[in-house]
C-alpha atoms as a PDB file:
ATOM      1  CA  MET A   1      -0.053  -0.357  -0.160  1.00  0.00           C
ATOM      2  CA  ILE A   2       0.867   4.302  -0.501  1.00  0.00           C
ATOM      3  CA  SER A   3       0.991   5.745   2.451  1.00  0.00           C
ATOM      4  CA  LEU A   4      -0.658   9.033   2.210  1.00  0.00           C
ATOM      5  CA  THR A   5       3.421  10.626   2.556  1.00  0.00           C
ATOM      6  CA  LYS A   6       3.493   9.296   0.211  1.00  0.00           C
ATOM      7  CA  LEU A   7       0.736  10.879  -3.097  1.00  0.00           C
ATOM      8  CA  GLU A   8       1.558  12.928  -6.634  1.00  0.00           C
ATOM      9  CA  PRO A   9      -0.951  15.796  -6.607  1.00  0.00           C
ATOM     10  CA  ASN A  10      -2.903  14.714 -10.017  1.00  0.00           C
ATOM     11  CA  GLY A  11      -1.907  11.304  -9.975  1.00  0.00           C
ATOM     12  CA  PHE A  12      -3.156   8.602 -10.398  1.00  0.00           C
ATOM     13  CA  TYR A  13      -3.897   5.755  -8.868  1.00  0.00           C
ATOM     14  CA  TRP A  14      -5.549   2.408  -7.714  1.00  0.00           C
ATOM     15  CA  ALA A  15      -7.616   2.300  -5.120  1.00  0.00           C
ATOM     16  CA  MET A  16     -10.233   1.039  -2.624  1.00  0.00           C
ATOM     17  CA  ARG A  17     -12.351   2.638  -0.694  1.00  0.00           C
ATOM     18  CA  LYS A  18     -11.602   1.668   2.559  1.00  0.00           C
ATOM     19  CA  ASP A  19     -15.763   1.637   3.937  1.00  0.00           C
ATOM     20  CA  ASP A  20     -16.687  -0.494   0.637  1.00  0.00           C
ATOM     21  CA  ARG A  21     -13.788  -3.298   0.682  1.00  0.00           C
ATOM     22  CA  ASP A  22     -16.490  -5.192  -1.934  1.00  0.00           C
ATOM     23  CA  GLY A  23     -16.640  -2.621  -4.123  1.00  0.00           C
ATOM     24  CA  GLY A  24     -13.495  -3.601  -5.366  1.00  0.00           C
ATOM     25  CA  THR A  25     -10.403  -1.129  -6.801  1.00  0.00           C
ATOM     26  CA  GLN A  26     -11.083   1.786  -8.988  1.00  0.00           C
ATOM     27  CA  VAL A  27      -8.588   4.470 -11.035  1.00  0.00           C
ATOM     28  CA  VAL A  28      -9.020   7.386  -8.456  1.00  0.00           C
ATOM     29  CA  GLN A  29      -7.267  11.302  -9.195  1.00  0.00           C
ATOM     30  CA  VAL A  30      -5.600  12.641  -5.991  1.00  0.00           C
ATOM     31  CA  SER A  31      -7.090  16.069  -6.965  1.00  0.00           C
ATOM     32  CA  THR A  32      -5.853  19.847  -5.921  1.00  0.00           C
ATOM     33  CA  ILE A  33      -8.827  21.520  -7.093  1.00  0.00           C
ATOM     34  CA  PHE A  34      -9.562  23.392  -3.302  1.00  0.00           C
ATOM     35  CA  GLY A  35      -5.729  24.029  -3.459  1.00  0.00           C
ATOM     36  CA  GLU A  36      -1.788  22.725  -4.153  1.00  0.00           C
ATOM     37  CA  GLU A  37      -1.153  22.609  -0.237  1.00  0.00           C
ATOM     38  CA  PRO A  38      -0.983  18.873   0.911  1.00  0.00           C
ATOM     39  CA  GLU A  39      -4.158  19.100   3.400  1.00  0.00           C
ATOM     40  CA  TYR A  40      -6.522  20.808   0.674  1.00  0.00           C
ATOM     41  CA  TRP A  41      -5.924  17.928  -1.614  1.00  0.00           C
ATOM     42  CA  THR A  42      -9.342  14.719  -1.882  1.00  0.00           C
ATOM     43  CA  VAL A  43      -9.304  11.960  -4.710  1.00  0.00           C
ATOM     44  CA  ALA A  44     -11.236  12.156  -7.719  1.00  0.00           C
ATOM     45  CA  CYS A  45     -13.846   9.161  -8.013  1.00  0.00           C
ATOM     46  CA  LEU A  46     -13.624   9.000 -11.814  1.00  0.00           C
ATOM     47  CA  GLY A  47     -16.719   8.497 -13.802  1.00  0.00           C
ATOM     48  CA  SER A  48     -17.811  10.844 -11.107  1.00  0.00           C
ATOM     49  CA  ASP A  49     -18.646  14.278 -10.421  1.00  0.00           C
ATOM     50  CA  GLU A  50     -17.761  12.662  -6.401  1.00  0.00           C
ATOM     51  CA  HIS A  51     -14.898  14.340  -4.132  1.00  0.00           C
ATOM     52  CA  ARG A  52     -13.628  11.786  -1.269  1.00  0.00           C
ATOM     53  CA  MET A  53     -10.604  12.448   0.952  1.00  0.00           C
ATOM     54  CA  PRO A  54      -7.152  10.678   0.436  1.00  0.00           C
ATOM     55  CA  ALA A  55      -8.569   9.067   4.288  1.00  0.00           C
ATOM     56  CA  ASP A  56     -10.897   6.982   2.973  1.00  0.00           C
ATOM     57  CA  PHE A  57      -8.830   4.889   0.171  1.00  0.00           C
ATOM     58  CA  GLU A  58      -6.631   2.535   1.089  1.00  0.00           C
ATOM     59  CA  PHE A  59      -3.747   3.059  -2.210  1.00  0.00           C
ATOM     60  CA  ILE A  60      -2.980  -0.058  -4.242  1.00  0.00           C
ATOM     61  CA  ALA A  61      -0.858   1.364  -6.878  1.00  0.00           C
ATOM     62  CA  ARG A  62       0.338   4.724  -9.039  1.00  0.00           C
ATOM     63  CA  ILE A  63      -0.869   4.546 -12.630  1.00  0.00           C
ATOM     64  CA  VAL A  64       2.427   6.113 -14.534  1.00  0.00           C
ATOM     65  CA  PRO A  65       1.612   7.114 -17.612  1.00  0.00           C
ATOM     66  CA  PRO A  66       3.493   5.223 -21.052  1.00  0.00           C
ATOM     67  CA  ALA A  67       6.990   6.601 -21.129  1.00  0.00           C
ATOM     68  CA  SER A  68       6.889   7.239 -25.526  1.00  0.00           C
ATOM     69  CA  ASN A  69       4.256   7.670 -28.324  1.00  0.00           C
ATOM     70  CA  PHE A  70       5.140   4.174 -28.906  1.00  0.00           C
ATOM     71  CA  ALA A  71       3.722   2.608 -26.603  1.00  0.00           C
ATOM     72  CA  ILE A  72       0.048   4.219 -27.509  1.00  0.00           C
ATOM     73  CA  ASP A  73       0.786   3.391 -31.245  1.00  0.00           C
ATOM     74  CA  LEU A  74       0.966   0.255 -30.737  1.00  0.00           C
ATOM     75  CA  ALA A  75      -1.980   0.283 -28.604  1.00  0.00           C
ATOM     76  CA  ALA A  76      -3.977   2.239 -31.922  1.00  0.00           C
ATOM     77  CA  GLU A  77      -2.949  -1.377 -33.562  1.00  0.00           C
END
């Protein structure tokens, strides 16, 4: 699991809500919409307009964008 202190602003993560473990994992984004300082960060649940507190989640893995257009070209084929 990734500690809250290791989260990156605007980063995407695989995460699981602590209050809904049967809901499975979901992709979330650490949002800075309310401020750039970590105490103002929220977690945007993709596919909805819902924002929750980072402590409501267990962060499993960071999603890293492809390093080059090569990966995107392969995915398009």
